[in-house]
Amino acid sequence: MEYLRLKGISRRVRIGLGSEKLKRVRIVVDVEMGVDAGEIGKTDDLSKGIDYRELHKEVFEEMDGEYTTIEALGYHIFQRIKDKFNPQHLSVIVKKPYPPLEGEVESAEVEFRL
């Protein structure tokens, strides 16, 4: 099994509680999929594998929704990718950089795995 990764998919989304939801905040998504990339590797034929553009589109479209939590956003991205691509392995990490907490916190993160 080979691993296809898209890291650092970033978009400003409506997410959070109270006033947080009034403005868009930056969210970052990392996706890792276990796929059989041997055939596309041998033939260089995109139809034999997963097109990064399609995967990116699925994540980006889900980020258009409004959510209260990164857990909800992560769950919906995870399910959408799982249903569309049926990967052997899947990891979706959703990060909220510098969440509004006392002190400085680099990020709040959630990960869903198959």
Protein backbone atom coordinates (compact mmCIF):
# COMPACT_ATOMS: atom_id res chain seq x y z
CA MET A 1 0.00 0.00 0.00
CA GLU A 2 1.21 3.46 -0.89
CA TYR A 3 0.22 6.70 0.80
CA LEU A 4 -1.16 9.75 -0.93
CA ARG A 5 -0.99 12.91 1.18
CA LEU A 6 -2.35 16.41 0.82
CA LYS A 7 -1.04 18.55 3.66
CA GLY A 8 -1.86 22.06 4.64
CA ILE A 9 -5.16 22.55 2.81
CA SER A 10 -6.05 25.95 4.23
CA ARG A 11 -9.21 27.99 4.04
CA ARG A 12 -11.05 30.58 6.09
CA VAL A 13 -14.30 29.05 7.36
CA ARG A 14 -17.18 29.88 9.66
CA ILE A 15 -16.51 27.77 12.73
CA GLY A 16 -16.58 28.25 16.47
CA LEU A 17 -18.74 29.69 19.20
CA GLY A 18 -20.32 33.10 19.57
CA SER A 19 -18.40 35.94 17.96
CA GLU A 20 -15.88 33.47 16.50
CA LYS A 21 -18.52 32.34 14.04
CA LEU A 22 -19.20 35.90 12.86
CA LYS A 23 -15.85 36.06 11.10
CA ARG A 24 -14.08 33.41 9.12
CA VAL A 25 -11.12 31.76 10.83
CA ARG A 26 -8.28 29.86 9.22
CA ILE A 27 -8.57 26.07 9.34
CA VAL A 28 -5.90 23.67 8.04
CA VAL A 29 -6.62 20.10 6.90
CA ASP A 30 -4.17 17.27 6.28
CA VAL A 31 -5.36 14.14 4.47
CA GLU A 32 -3.50 10.84 4.16
CA MET A 33 -4.96 7.98 2.14
CA GLY A 34 -3.69 4.45 1.71
CA VAL A 35 -4.11 3.60 -1.94
CA ASP A 36 -2.82 1.17 -4.54
CA ALA A 37 -0.62 3.51 -6.54
CA GLY A 38 1.41 0.79 -8.25
CA GLU A 39 -0.57 0.83 -11.49
CA ILE A 40 -0.50 4.61 -11.88
CA GLY A 41 3.20 4.52 -10.99
CA LYS A 42 3.91 2.00 -13.76
CA THR A 43 1.71 3.52 -16.44
CA ASP A 44 1.62 7.23 -15.51
CA ASP A 45 -2.10 7.01 -16.35
CA LEU A 46 -4.12 9.27 -14.03
CA SER A 47 -7.27 7.21 -14.59
CA LYS A 48 -5.58 4.35 -12.65
CA GLY A 49 -5.31 6.39 -9.45
CA ILE A 50 -6.71 9.26 -7.44
CA ASP A 51 -6.51 12.76 -8.86
CA TYR A 52 -5.22 15.20 -6.22
CA ARG A 53 -7.54 17.83 -7.67
CA GLU A 54 -10.62 15.72 -6.91
CA LEU A 55 -9.49 15.06 -3.36
CA HIS A 56 -8.74 18.75 -2.80
CA LYS A 57 -12.15 19.70 -4.23
CA GLU A 58 -13.96 17.37 -1.81
CA VAL A 59 -12.16 18.84 1.20
CA PHE A 60 -12.55 22.44 0.03
CA GLU A 61 -16.28 22.03 -0.65
CA GLU A 62 -16.90 20.56 2.81
CA MET A 63 -15.07 23.53 4.33
CA ASP A 64 -17.81 25.76 2.84
CA GLY A 65 -20.23 24.57 5.52
CA GLU A 66 -20.75 26.21 8.90
CA TYR A 67 -19.73 24.22 11.95
CA THR A 68 -19.40 24.88 15.66
CA THR A 69 -16.55 22.42 16.17
CA ILE A 70 -13.52 21.17 14.29
CA GLU A 71 -14.72 17.69 15.28
CA ALA A 72 -17.88 18.12 13.19
CA LEU A 73 -15.93 19.50 10.24
CA GLY A 74 -13.38 16.67 10.50
CA TYR A 75 -16.09 14.02 10.69
CA HIS A 76 -17.84 15.32 7.58
CA ILE A 77 -14.61 15.59 5.59
CA PHE A 78 -13.63 12.06 6.70
CA GLN A 79 -16.99 10.56 5.71
CA ARG A 80 -17.06 12.38 2.39
CA ILE A 81 -13.59 11.11 1.40
CA LYS A 82 -14.30 7.60 2.69
CA ASP A 83 -17.56 7.37 0.72
CA LYS A 84 -16.14 8.82 -2.52
CA PHE A 85 -12.71 7.14 -2.71
CA ASN A 86 -13.07 4.01 -0.51
CA PRO A 87 -9.43 4.12 0.65
CA GLN A 88 -7.67 1.25 2.41
CA HIS A 89 -6.41 3.72 5.02
CA LEU A 90 -7.56 7.25 5.77
CA SER A 91 -6.45 9.93 8.17
CA VAL A 92 -8.00 13.39 8.29
CA ILE A 93 -6.51 15.97 10.64
CA VAL A 94 -8.28 19.30 11.13
CA LYS A 95 -6.29 22.09 12.81
CA LYS A 96 -7.44 25.41 14.18
CA PRO A 97 -4.25 27.48 14.47
CA TYR A 98 -3.94 29.73 17.52
CA PRO A 99 -7.37 29.08 19.05
CA PRO A 100 -8.71 31.86 21.27
CA LEU A 101 -7.45 30.51 24.59
CA GLU A 102 -5.57 32.17 27.40
CA GLY A 103 -1.86 32.17 26.72
CA GLU A 104 -0.56 30.99 23.40
CA VAL A 105 -1.61 27.64 21.94
CA GLU A 106 -0.19 26.62 18.57
CA SER A 107 -3.28 24.74 17.45
CA ALA A 108 -6.31 22.72 18.44
CA GLU A 109 -6.51 19.52 16.38
CA VAL A 110 -8.72 16.51 15.81
CA GLU A 111 -7.87 13.37 13.81
CA PHE A 112 -10.18 10.77 12.31
CA ARG A 113 -8.66 7.46 11.15
CA LEU A 114 -9.64 4.38 9.25
